[in-house]
Amino acid sequence: FTQDQWNSGNYSLLRNCLYNFDVIEGLKVEREVFGIDGSIGNTVCWTMVQDNYFFPGIPKTLYKNRVNKPIITGTNRDEWALFEVVENIYLDPRTANDDHLSWLKFVINVGTAWFFTGFTAQDVELYLRNNNSNVFVYEFTYSTENFENTGYHPVEHGSELNWVFMNGWNENNTNVADIQLANFFGESWTNFAKTGNPSTDNSWRPVTSTGLRQLEYYEINPNGGMRSDYRTLDRIQFNRKPQNLTQFPENPYNATFHRPECPQGTSNSNEDCLYVNIYSPNVNSTIKYPVMIWIHGGGYMSGNNRIDIPGTVRNFVSREVVVVSIQYRLGFLGFFTTFSEDFPPNLGMLDQVEAFRFVQQEISNFGGDPSRVTIWGESAGGASVSAHSYSPLSKEVVESIYLDPRTTNDDHLSWLKFVINVGTAWFFTGFTAQDVELYLRNNNSNVFVYEFTYSKENFENTGYHPVQHGSELNWVFMGGWKENNTNVTEIQLANFFGESWTNFAKTGNPSTDNSWRPVTSTGLRQLEYYEINPNGGMRSGYRTLDRIQFNR
């Protein structure tokens, strides 16, 4: 059954095939396709759909017609642990070193929020919107498991059933706490079935508010009781939009250290990550300086705003430019979407826009000129810059644009070079040339193109000197520079980057002597660019073969 047949809407052939399909064989195929053989558990499985019959809408519209009856709903503290600790869906199995354990906990917390607790809190909120005053929420937080003897006790998806139905109990594996919990489940669940209330003494009370700090719930463990603030961080992550910062939490605010990076599996990551770093020549200057906003790369999966301070100061701040480096949500927190209010698209990009707006509003307090703002970035940061050039949200807050998404190569060895050339064309230079062409179609006469062609690397002593993705940042920010590993050429290139980039931020032109000229034609042999190396200068015919391969 082909894709075209599916799209045709005529499923008779598929129906006849399935009607004559052996059920046992069909189940084998299903398990192979969906991984229900234990390899990835039930993470990929069947689900209900909106059908205009059984499920004739979405919860946010159907809830108004939901009958108000007593409800018990809840979650286990570490629901997603079942899929990581037991079934090893994402992480390598049973590795207990500190770094792995931190990453494991992070993945479990995120999975629990996105697949369990977030939906639970949202459902409770819909009940309360409909004036249901008998919604009882719980979180089960008791575990007898000690993961790899690390002291981590995950409370996995479905683990409460061991006390609800007392699976596999015998005298040798139970204690007073186990009996206490089994009694609690039995009494609470049967009380609820009889009266619509899980407790007879009002010890477990219904929810009265779904405010971030107010959603009440019963914590089920041997020392349990009523709590407020059900899974606050999960609910912020799952369902809340960023709130405007009306004032700094401290006065004076301590801004002398780096804040955490946005979640990406490192020990220094945190959801509270939307911070900027500002490097200024003089915050009290009466003459305001041009501003350069740096957007980090990392494939929208990793990265942070920590740029090397020596190179930032030497190449930019010393040339009377304010440098701002920003952070934005990454991975699915920043870019997963259902194209609906539940999961709006491009949240990471909207974080960048908010950073631009912050710069507009506040940069004058740091010596910056909000009317002269240049955005620039590398890799995913450069792709972001390109996107902002199209977005109507960015037009009012950005004066000029410097695109550095793609650092290119000149040209095992012949095959390696071939693969590198093809990959460079298809993922970097082809897009760059296409973007330039679109600028010129729109009559933009100030588009400056470059290719960086200098490398210190000698691949396997073969005489091949690849200029890799992002390698120019070694001269832009001078990361790891020391007296014994630099020479006159290194200084010359660092000076070139510093002078050209700050000239561009100040005037919209990277050169003061017209040595680097803008593109006037995108013809295959004509597209002008500046070759950056110790003997660099203007060239024509930017990546001609790449463009033929990519675009013709």
Protein backbone atom coordinates (compact mmCIF):
# COMPACT_ATOMS: atom_id res chain seq x y z
CA PHE A 1 0.00 0.00 0.00
CA THR A 2 1.77 3.13 -1.23
CA GLN A 3 1.82 6.71 0.01
CA ASP A 4 -0.12 7.82 -3.08
CA GLN A 5 -2.81 5.24 -2.39
CA TRP A 6 -3.06 6.45 1.19
CA ASN A 7 -3.38 10.05 0.06
CA SER A 8 -6.11 9.10 -2.42
CA GLY A 9 -8.50 8.29 0.41
CA ASN A 10 -9.42 4.91 -1.12
CA TYR A 11 -8.48 2.33 1.50
CA SER A 12 -10.25 -0.69 -0.01
CA LEU A 13 -6.98 -2.32 -1.01
CA LEU A 14 -5.58 -1.85 2.49
CA ARG A 15 -8.81 -3.16 4.04
CA ASN A 16 -8.74 -6.30 1.89
CA CYS A 17 -5.08 -6.83 2.76
CA LEU A 18 -5.66 -6.55 6.49
CA TYR A 19 -8.82 -8.69 6.41
CA ASN A 20 -6.77 -11.53 4.94
CA PHE A 21 -3.76 -10.96 7.19
CA ASP A 22 -2.97 -13.55 9.86
CA VAL A 23 -3.49 -11.91 13.26
CA ILE A 24 -0.41 -13.46 14.84
CA GLU A 25 1.78 -12.40 11.94
CA GLY A 26 0.22 -8.95 12.10
CA LEU A 27 1.12 -8.61 15.77
CA LYS A 28 4.70 -9.59 14.99
CA VAL A 29 4.92 -6.85 12.36
CA GLU A 30 3.34 -4.36 14.76
CA ARG A 31 5.89 -5.15 17.42
CA GLU A 32 8.75 -4.79 14.95
CA VAL A 33 7.46 -1.46 13.66
CA PHE A 34 6.52 0.06 17.00
CA GLY A 35 9.26 -1.49 19.10
CA ILE A 36 6.87 -3.19 21.52
CA ASP A 37 9.34 -6.03 21.90
CA GLY A 38 10.90 -4.44 24.97
CA SER A 39 13.45 -2.35 23.09
CA ILE A 40 11.62 0.92 23.56
CA GLY A 41 8.62 -0.12 25.61
CA ASN A 42 5.38 1.71 24.93
CA THR A 43 6.82 5.08 24.03
CA VAL A 44 5.68 4.58 20.43
CA CYS A 45 2.18 3.18 20.56
CA TRP A 46 -1.38 3.59 19.39
CA THR A 47 -3.40 6.52 20.61
CA MET A 48 -6.91 7.88 20.30
CA VAL A 49 -7.71 10.53 17.73
CA GLN A 50 -10.25 13.29 17.31
CA ASP A 51 -13.04 11.68 15.30
CA ASN A 52 -16.11 13.94 15.65
CA TYR A 53 -17.89 11.01 17.26
CA PHE A 54 -16.28 9.52 20.36
CA PHE A 55 -13.85 12.42 20.69
CA PRO A 56 -15.50 15.30 18.79
CA GLY A 57 -13.06 18.05 19.70
CA ILE A 58 -10.02 18.93 21.78
CA PRO A 59 -9.96 19.03 25.61
CA LYS A 60 -9.78 22.82 25.71
CA THR A 61 -13.18 22.99 24.01
CA LEU A 62 -14.78 19.79 25.33
CA TYR A 63 -14.16 20.51 29.01
CA LYS A 64 -17.12 22.90 29.19
CA ASN A 65 -19.46 19.95 28.58
CA ARG A 66 -17.74 17.63 31.05
CA VAL A 67 -20.03 16.54 33.88
CA ASN A 68 -18.77 17.65 37.28
CA LYS A 69 -18.19 14.47 39.27
CA PRO A 70 -15.61 13.74 42.00
CA ILE A 71 -12.18 13.05 40.52
CA ILE A 72 -8.94 11.55 41.83
CA THR A 73 -5.92 12.14 39.62
CA GLY A 74 -2.21 12.05 40.27
CA THR A 75 1.27 10.99 39.26
CA ASN A 76 4.38 9.32 40.54
CA ARG A 77 7.36 11.55 41.22
CA ASP A 78 9.63 10.06 38.53
CA GLU A 79 7.20 8.61 35.97
CA TRP A 80 9.69 8.65 33.09
CA ALA A 81 12.19 6.60 35.09
CA LEU A 82 10.39 3.46 33.93
CA PHE A 83 11.52 4.18 30.38
CA GLU A 84 15.10 5.13 31.28
CA VAL A 85 16.06 3.07 34.34
CA VAL A 86 14.14 -0.06 33.31
CA GLU A 87 13.97 0.06 29.51
CA ASN A 88 16.95 2.30 28.67
CA ILE A 89 15.18 4.14 25.86
CA TYR A 90 17.54 7.04 25.56
CA LEU A 91 20.52 6.61 27.88
CA ASP A 92 23.12 3.87 28.09
CA PRO A 93 21.89 1.30 30.59
CA ARG A 94 22.82 1.18 34.26
CA THR A 95 25.67 3.66 34.28
CA ALA A 96 26.01 5.26 37.68
CA ASN A 97 28.86 7.78 37.53
CA ASP A 98 28.03 11.30 38.77
CA ASP A 99 27.83 12.96 35.35
CA HIS A 100 25.61 10.22 33.97
CA LEU A 101 23.40 10.33 37.06
CA SER A 102 22.86 14.09 36.73
CA TRP A 103 21.94 13.69 33.06
CA LEU A 104 19.70 10.71 33.89
CA LYS A 105 17.80 12.74 36.49
CA PHE A 106 17.45 15.65 34.09
CA VAL A 107 16.05 13.44 31.31
CA ILE A 108 13.67 11.75 33.76
CA ASN A 109 12.44 15.11 35.13
CA VAL A 110 11.85 16.47 31.63
CA GLY A 111 10.12 13.28 30.43
CA THR A 112 7.95 13.19 33.55
CA ALA A 113 6.90 16.80 32.98
CA TRP A 114 6.17 16.50 29.27
CA PHE A 115 4.41 13.14 29.25
CA PHE A 116 2.77 12.98 32.67
CA THR A 117 2.67 15.79 35.23
CA GLY A 118 2.16 18.62 32.73
CA PHE A 119 -0.95 16.99 31.29
CA THR A 120 -2.23 16.13 34.78
CA ALA A 121 -1.96 19.74 35.96
CA GLN A 122 -3.60 20.97 32.77
CA ASP A 123 -6.49 18.56 33.23
CA VAL A 124 -6.98 19.73 36.82
CA GLU A 125 -7.03 23.32 35.63
CA LEU A 126 -9.80 22.49 33.12
CA TYR A 127 -11.84 20.81 35.87
CA LEU A 128 -11.59 23.91 38.03
CA ARG A 129 -12.48 26.21 35.14
CA ASN A 130 -15.69 24.21 34.95
CA ASN A 131 -16.31 24.82 38.68
CA ASN A 132 -15.65 21.25 39.77
CA SER A 133 -15.01 21.50 43.53
CA ASN A 134 -14.22 17.81 44.09
CA VAL A 135 -10.89 17.26 42.37
CA PHE A 136 -8.36 15.40 44.53
CA VAL A 137 -4.71 15.35 43.37
CA TYR A 138 -1.87 13.18 44.64
CA GLU A 139 1.82 12.53 44.06
CA PHE A 140 3.30 9.18 45.04
CA THR A 141 6.90 9.64 46.25
CA TYR A 142 7.90 6.38 47.95
CA SER A 143 10.41 3.93 46.49
CA THR A 144 12.36 0.95 47.75
CA GLU A 145 14.73 1.01 44.77
CA ASN A 146 18.28 2.36 45.15
CA PHE A 147 19.50 2.93 41.61
CA GLU A 148 22.96 1.35 41.28
CA ASN A 149 23.53 2.12 45.01
CA THR A 150 23.79 5.84 44.22
CA GLY A 151 21.17 7.00 46.71
CA TYR A 152 18.79 7.88 43.87
CA HIS A 153 15.36 6.35 44.54
CA PRO A 154 13.21 6.79 41.42
CA VAL A 155 9.43 6.41 41.76
CA GLU A 156 8.64 4.96 38.36
CA HIS A 157 5.54 4.91 36.21
CA GLY A 158 3.08 2.37 37.63
CA SER A 159 5.15 1.59 40.73
CA GLU A 160 2.24 2.48 43.08
CA LEU A 161 0.42 -0.63 41.83
CA ASN A 162 2.80 -2.72 43.93
CA TRP A 163 0.94 -1.34 46.97
CA VAL A 164 -2.50 -1.01 45.39
CA PHE A 165 -2.67 -4.69 44.37
CA MET A 166 0.25 -5.95 46.53
CA ASN A 167 1.92 -7.66 43.58
CA GLY A 168 4.33 -10.43 44.63
CA TRP A 169 4.13 -9.67 48.33
CA ASN A 170 5.35 -12.14 50.92
CA GLU A 171 6.64 -12.02 54.47
CA ASN A 172 10.25 -11.70 53.32
CA ASN A 173 9.86 -8.53 51.23
CA THR A 174 7.45 -6.33 53.20
CA ASN A 175 7.75 -4.06 56.21
CA VAL A 176 5.62 -1.75 58.32
CA ALA A 177 5.88 1.08 55.75
CA ASP A 178 4.66 -1.24 52.99
CA ILE A 179 1.63 -2.32 55.05
CA GLN A 180 0.90 1.32 55.95
CA LEU A 181 0.91 2.36 52.28
CA ALA A 182 -1.23 -0.63 51.19
CA ASN A 183 -3.77 0.30 53.87
CA PHE A 184 -3.74 3.93 52.74
CA PHE A 185 -4.46 3.02 49.11
CA GLY A 186 -7.19 0.55 50.09
CA GLU A 187 -8.92 2.95 52.48
CA SER A 188 -8.61 6.05 50.27
CA TRP A 189 -9.73 4.38 47.05
CA THR A 190 -12.70 2.63 48.67
CA ASN A 191 -13.72 5.77 50.58
CA PHE A 192 -13.74 7.60 47.27
CA ALA A 193 -15.86 4.90 45.64
CA LYS A 194 -18.37 5.12 48.49
CA THR A 195 -18.54 8.87 49.16
CA GLY A 196 -16.66 10.77 46.45
CA ASN A 197 -14.04 11.75 49.05
CA PRO A 198 -10.84 9.74 49.68
CA SER A 199 -10.66 10.63 53.38
CA THR A 200 -13.16 10.53 56.23
CA ASP A 201 -11.32 13.11 58.34
CA ASN A 202 -10.69 15.78 55.67
CA SER A 203 -6.97 14.96 55.72
CA TRP A 204 -6.98 14.81 51.90
CA ARG A 205 -8.67 17.95 50.64
CA PRO A 206 -9.73 18.94 47.11
CA VAL A 207 -7.93 21.49 44.97
CA THR A 208 -9.12 25.08 45.34
CA SER A 209 -6.59 26.91 43.16
CA THR A 210 -4.35 26.09 40.19
CA GLY A 211 -2.01 29.03 40.74
CA LEU A 212 1.65 28.10 40.30
CA ARG A 213 2.24 28.15 44.06
CA GLN A 214 -1.23 27.06 45.16
CA LEU A 215 -2.27 23.77 43.50
CA GLU A 216 -2.88 21.53 46.51
CA TYR A 217 -2.15 17.81 46.48
CA TYR A 218 -1.64 14.87 48.81
CA GLU A 219 1.85 13.44 48.96
CA ILE A 220 1.57 9.67 49.38
CA ASN A 221 4.43 8.17 51.36
CA PRO A 222 4.83 6.93 54.95
CA ASN A 223 5.12 10.56 56.13
CA GLY A 224 2.62 11.97 53.67
CA GLY A 225 0.05 14.70 53.92
CA MET A 226 -1.33 17.74 52.15
CA ARG A 227 1.12 19.90 50.23
CA SER A 228 0.82 22.94 48.02
CA ASP A 229 2.70 23.81 44.85
CA TYR A 230 2.17 20.64 42.76
CA ARG A 231 5.12 20.23 40.30
CA THR A 232 5.61 23.96 39.79
CA LEU A 233 8.68 23.75 37.56
CA ASP A 234 7.05 21.08 35.41
CA ARG A 235 4.01 23.28 34.88
CA ILE A 236 6.13 26.30 33.96
CA GLN A 237 8.02 24.13 31.48
CA PHE A 238 4.87 22.52 30.09
CA ASN A 239 2.27 25.23 29.98
CA ARG A 240 3.32 28.70 31.02
CA LYS A 241 4.48 31.60 28.92
CA PRO A 242 7.45 33.70 30.12
CA GLN A 243 6.51 36.51 32.48
CA ASN A 244 7.90 40.01 32.09
CA LEU A 245 10.59 40.90 34.61
CA THR A 246 9.33 44.08 36.26
CA GLN A 247 12.24 44.43 38.66
CA PHE A 248 15.48 42.71 39.52
CA PRO A 249 15.17 40.28 42.44
CA GLU A 250 18.10 41.86 44.28
CA ASN A 251 19.27 45.42 44.69
CA PRO A 252 22.05 45.74 43.78
CA TYR A 253 21.91 42.77 41.44
CA ASN A 254 24.99 40.54 41.46
CA ALA A 255 25.93 40.15 37.79
CA THR A 256 29.57 39.22 38.32
CA PHE A 257 29.30 35.52 37.46
CA HIS A 258 27.97 33.38 34.61
CA ARG A 259 24.41 32.10 34.93
CA PRO A 260 23.46 28.50 34.00
CA GLU A 261 23.17 27.55 30.36
CA CYS A 262 19.82 26.42 28.96
CA PRO A 263 19.01 22.71 29.48
CA GLN A 264 21.19 20.47 27.31
CA GLY A 265 22.26 17.64 29.58
CA THR A 266 25.12 19.35 31.39
CA SER A 267 25.49 19.78 35.13
CA ASN A 268 25.50 23.56 34.71
CA SER A 269 22.15 23.79 32.90
CA ASN A 270 18.90 25.12 34.29
CA GLU A 271 15.56 26.29 32.94
CA ASP A 272 16.28 29.65 34.56
CA CYS A 273 18.72 30.48 31.78
CA LEU A 274 17.51 33.50 29.81
CA TYR A 275 20.36 35.85 30.67
CA VAL A 276 22.63 38.13 28.68
CA ASN A 277 26.30 39.02 29.19
CA ILE A 278 27.26 42.61 28.41
CA TYR A 279 30.83 43.81 27.72
CA SER A 280 31.09 47.61 27.50
CA PRO A 281 33.97 50.07 27.01
CA ASN A 282 32.37 52.51 29.47
CA VAL A 283 28.91 52.19 30.99
CA ASN A 284 28.92 55.88 31.96
CA SER A 285 29.93 57.25 28.58
CA THR A 286 27.87 60.18 27.29
CA ILE A 287 28.71 59.09 23.72
CA LYS A 288 26.83 55.85 23.10
CA TYR A 289 28.62 52.96 21.39
CA PRO A 290 27.38 50.62 18.62
CA VAL A 291 26.11 47.28 19.89
CA MET A 292 26.88 43.77 18.61
CA ILE A 293 24.58 40.97 19.82
CA TRP A 294 26.23 37.54 19.60
CA ILE A 295 23.99 34.46 19.10
CA HIS A 296 25.77 31.20 19.91
CA GLY A 297 25.71 28.08 17.73
CA GLY A 298 25.23 24.44 18.62
CA GLY A 299 22.55 23.12 16.27
CA TYR A 300 19.78 24.47 18.54
CA MET A 301 20.70 21.62 20.89
CA SER A 302 23.67 23.00 22.84
CA GLY A 303 25.76 26.09 23.46
CA ASN A 304 25.80 29.12 25.76
CA ASN A 305 26.69 32.80 25.87
CA ARG A 306 30.16 32.37 27.38
CA ILE A 307 32.53 33.92 24.88
CA ASP A 308 36.24 34.27 25.50
CA ILE A 309 36.79 37.53 27.37
CA PRO A 310 40.35 38.33 26.14
CA GLY A 311 39.36 38.22 22.47
CA THR A 312 36.05 39.99 23.12
CA VAL A 313 37.83 42.87 24.87
CA ARG A 314 40.81 43.07 22.51
CA ASN A 315 38.99 42.72 19.20
CA PHE A 316 35.72 44.50 19.96
CA VAL A 317 35.33 46.36 23.24
CA SER A 318 38.70 48.08 22.87
CA ARG A 319 37.43 49.36 19.51
CA GLU A 320 34.51 51.10 21.22
CA VAL A 321 31.73 48.57 20.64
CA VAL A 322 29.39 47.07 23.24
CA VAL A 323 29.16 43.27 22.91
CA VAL A 324 26.08 41.42 24.17
CA SER A 325 25.94 37.60 24.22
CA ILE A 326 22.56 35.94 24.71
CA GLN A 327 21.04 32.56 25.53
CA TYR A 328 17.82 30.95 24.32
CA ARG A 329 15.90 27.75 24.97
CA LEU A 330 17.30 24.74 23.11
CA GLY A 331 16.13 21.31 21.99
CA PHE A 332 12.47 20.47 22.42
CA LEU A 333 12.07 23.13 25.11
CA GLY A 334 12.83 25.71 22.45
CA PHE A 335 11.70 24.14 19.21
CA PHE A 336 9.18 21.30 19.69
CA THR A 337 5.76 22.42 18.44
CA THR A 338 2.25 21.25 17.66
CA PHE A 339 1.54 24.60 15.96
CA SER A 340 -1.03 25.33 18.66
CA GLU A 341 -1.24 27.22 21.95
CA ASP A 342 -0.27 24.04 23.77
CA PHE A 343 3.19 23.97 22.18
CA PRO A 344 3.73 27.21 20.22
CA PRO A 345 6.42 27.16 17.52
CA ASN A 346 9.86 28.79 17.64
CA LEU A 347 10.02 29.52 21.37
CA GLY A 348 13.82 29.59 21.19
CA MET A 349 13.66 32.22 18.46
CA LEU A 350 11.16 34.26 20.48
CA ASP A 351 13.65 34.17 23.36
CA GLN A 352 16.16 35.79 21.01
CA VAL A 353 13.63 38.46 20.07
CA GLU A 354 13.01 39.16 23.76
CA ALA A 355 16.76 39.56 24.23
CA PHE A 356 16.80 42.08 21.36
CA ARG A 357 13.96 43.99 23.02
CA PHE A 358 15.81 43.97 26.32
CA VAL A 359 18.82 45.46 24.54
CA GLN A 360 16.60 48.13 23.00
CA GLN A 361 15.20 49.07 26.37
CA GLU A 362 18.27 48.82 28.58
CA ILE A 363 21.50 49.01 26.58
CA SER A 364 21.78 52.79 26.96
CA ASN A 365 22.36 52.13 30.68
CA PHE A 366 25.47 50.18 29.67
CA GLY A 367 26.87 52.73 27.25
CA GLY A 368 25.20 51.26 24.15
CA ASP A 369 23.26 52.98 21.39
CA PRO A 370 19.90 51.18 20.83
CA SER A 371 19.63 52.68 17.35
CA ARG A 372 22.85 50.96 16.18
CA VAL A 373 22.41 47.26 16.89
CA THR A 374 24.08 44.51 14.84
CA ILE A 375 23.18 40.85 15.35
CA TRP A 376 25.74 38.20 14.51
CA GLY A 377 26.31 34.54 15.19
CA GLU A 378 28.00 31.32 14.14
CA SER A 379 26.46 28.03 12.94
CA ALA A 380 22.92 27.83 14.39
CA GLY A 381 23.49 31.38 15.62
CA GLY A 382 24.17 32.48 12.06
CA ALA A 383 21.10 30.63 10.82
CA SER A 384 19.15 32.50 13.51
CA VAL A 385 20.50 35.79 12.19
CA SER A 386 19.29 34.84 8.72
CA ALA A 387 15.86 33.99 10.11
CA HIS A 388 15.64 37.34 11.91
CA SER A 389 16.29 39.06 8.61
CA TYR A 390 12.98 37.60 7.41
CA SER A 391 10.97 37.94 10.62
CA PRO A 392 8.71 40.98 11.10
CA LEU A 393 9.28 40.71 14.88
CA SER A 394 12.97 41.54 14.50
CA LYS A 395 12.82 44.41 12.03
CA GLU A 396 12.20 47.14 14.59
CA VAL A 397 15.00 46.15 16.95
CA VAL A 398 17.93 45.39 14.61
CA GLU A 399 19.86 47.92 12.53
CA SER A 400 22.27 45.64 10.63
CA ILE A 401 22.96 41.94 10.19
CA TYR A 402 26.20 40.01 10.08
CA LEU A 403 25.79 36.42 8.95
CA ASP A 404 28.44 33.95 10.08
CA PRO A 405 26.54 30.70 9.85
CA ARG A 406 28.92 28.89 7.59
CA THR A 407 32.69 28.69 7.59
CA THR A 408 33.89 27.05 4.37
CA ASN A 409 36.71 24.83 3.09
CA ASP A 410 38.94 25.28 0.01
CA ASP A 411 38.56 22.33 -1.47
CA HIS A 412 42.06 8.49 2.68
CA LEU A 413 42.33 11.91 0.90
CA SER A 414 40.59 12.38 -2.43
CA TRP A 415 37.40 10.75 -1.13
CA LEU A 416 37.60 12.71 2.11
CA LYS A 417 37.94 15.94 0.17
CA PHE A 418 35.05 14.97 -2.09
CA VAL A 419 32.75 14.22 0.84
CA ILE A 420 33.79 17.43 2.58
CA ASN A 421 33.18 19.48 -0.56
CA VAL A 422 29.72 17.96 -1.10
CA GLY A 423 28.74 18.40 2.55
CA THR A 424 30.03 21.97 2.57
CA ALA A 425 27.99 22.79 -0.54
CA TRP A 426 24.76 21.17 0.60
CA PHE A 427 24.75 22.31 4.21
CA PHE A 428 26.63 25.62 4.15
CA THR A 429 27.80 27.43 1.01
CA GLY A 430 24.74 26.60 -1.10
CA PHE A 431 22.40 28.16 1.47
CA THR A 432 24.71 31.15 1.88
CA ALA A 433 24.74 31.90 -1.86
CA GLN A 434 20.98 31.43 -2.06
CA ASP A 435 20.46 33.86 0.83
CA VAL A 436 22.70 36.43 -0.85
CA GLU A 437 20.71 36.06 -4.07
CA LEU A 438 17.46 36.77 -2.20
CA TYR A 439 18.97 39.90 -0.65
CA LEU A 440 19.96 41.21 -4.06
CA ARG A 441 16.54 40.43 -5.51
CA ASN A 442 15.21 42.76 -2.82
CA ASN A 443 17.62 45.50 -3.99
CA ASN A 444 19.86 45.31 -0.93
CA SER A 445 23.09 46.97 -2.05
CA ASN A 446 25.00 46.37 1.19
CA VAL A 447 25.60 42.63 1.28
CA PHE A 448 29.20 41.68 2.10
CA VAL A 449 30.30 38.07 1.56
CA TYR A 450 33.46 36.36 2.75
CA GLU A 451 35.24 33.03 2.72
CA PHE A 452 37.76 32.19 5.41
CA THR A 453 40.56 30.04 3.97
CA TYR A 454 43.35 29.99 6.56
CA SER A 455 44.22 26.94 8.63
CA LYS A 456 47.09 25.84 10.87
CA GLU A 457 46.00 22.20 10.66
CA ASN A 458 47.92 19.75 8.47
CA PHE A 459 45.68 16.70 8.21
CA GLU A 460 47.74 13.58 8.89
CA ASN A 461 50.79 15.43 7.47
CA THR A 462 49.27 15.09 3.98
CA GLY A 463 49.49 18.76 3.11
CA TYR A 464 45.69 19.06 3.28
CA HIS A 465 44.72 22.04 5.44
CA PRO A 466 40.96 21.92 6.09
CA VAL A 467 39.26 25.11 7.30
CA GLN A 468 36.54 23.64 9.44
CA HIS A 469 33.14 24.80 10.60
CA GLY A 470 33.57 27.44 13.31
CA SER A 471 37.37 27.56 13.08
CA GLU A 472 37.40 31.34 12.49
CA LEU A 473 36.22 31.83 16.09
CA ASN A 474 39.78 31.04 17.21
CA TRP A 475 40.75 34.43 15.77
CA VAL A 476 37.50 36.26 16.50
CA PHE A 477 37.50 35.57 20.25
CA MET A 478 41.11 34.35 20.59
CA GLY A 479 40.13 31.38 22.70
CA GLY A 480 43.11 29.73 24.40
CA TRP A 481 45.72 32.06 22.93
CA LYS A 482 49.19 32.11 24.50
CA GLU A 483 52.47 33.75 23.58
CA ASN A 484 54.03 30.44 22.59
CA ASN A 485 51.29 29.44 20.12
CA THR A 486 50.77 32.68 18.18
CA ASN A 487 52.69 34.44 15.43
CA VAL A 488 52.50 37.54 13.27
CA THR A 489 49.91 35.92 10.99
CA GLU A 490 47.67 35.09 13.95
CA ILE A 491 47.80 38.69 15.18
CA GLN A 492 47.17 39.97 11.64
CA LEU A 493 44.02 37.84 11.31
CA ALA A 494 42.75 38.72 14.79
CA ASN A 495 43.20 42.40 13.94
CA PHE A 496 41.37 41.94 10.65
CA PHE A 497 38.36 40.32 12.32
CA GLY A 498 38.26 42.89 15.10
CA GLU A 499 38.57 45.87 12.75
CA SER A 500 36.17 44.56 10.10
CA TRP A 501 33.45 43.43 12.46
CA THR A 502 33.51 46.63 14.55
CA ASN A 503 33.65 48.81 11.42
CA PHE A 504 30.54 47.00 10.25
CA ALA A 505 28.80 47.53 13.58
CA LYS A 506 29.62 51.25 13.48
CA THR A 507 29.05 52.10 9.81
CA GLY A 508 27.45 49.14 8.04
CA ASN A 509 30.67 48.64 6.05
CA PRO A 510 33.46 46.27 7.14
CA SER A 511 36.24 48.36 5.59
CA THR A 512 37.13 52.04 5.75
CA ASP A 513 39.10 52.03 2.48
CA ASN A 514 36.61 50.17 0.27
CA SER A 515 38.90 47.14 0.19
CA TRP A 516 35.95 44.87 1.01
CA ARG A 517 33.16 45.75 -1.40
CA PRO A 518 29.52 44.62 -1.46
CA VAL A 519 28.11 42.09 -3.89
CA THR A 520 26.77 43.54 -7.15
CA SER A 521 25.92 40.34 -9.03
CA THR A 522 25.02 36.76 -8.19
CA GLY A 523 25.96 35.35 -11.60
CA LEU A 524 27.83 32.06 -11.36
CA ARG A 525 31.16 33.69 -12.25
CA GLN A 526 30.47 37.09 -10.75
CA LEU A 527 29.41 36.78 -7.09
CA GLU A 528 32.06 38.89 -5.35
CA TYR A 529 33.44 38.00 -1.92
CA TYR A 530 36.39 38.76 0.33
CA GLU A 531 38.83 35.93 0.91
CA ILE A 532 40.05 36.15 4.51
CA ASN A 533 43.62 34.92 4.95
CA PRO A 534 47.02 36.63 5.36
CA ASN A 535 47.08 37.37 1.62
CA GLY A 536 43.37 37.98 1.30
CA GLY A 537 41.35 40.39 -0.79
CA MET A 538 38.37 40.67 -3.11
CA ARG A 539 37.59 37.68 -5.34
CA SER A 540 34.80 36.82 -7.79
CA GLY A 541 32.97 33.55 -8.47
CA TYR A 542 32.04 32.57 -4.91
CA ARG A 543 31.86 28.74 -4.70
CA THR A 544 30.70 28.35 -8.31
CA LEU A 545 30.67 24.55 -8.39
CA ASP A 546 28.87 24.39 -5.03
CA ARG A 547 26.14 26.65 -6.35
CA ILE A 548 25.70 24.58 -9.52
CA GLN A 549 25.43 21.46 -7.39
CA PHE A 550 23.06 23.04 -4.89
CA ASN A 551 20.75 25.18 -6.93
CA ARG A 552 20.72 24.52 -10.69
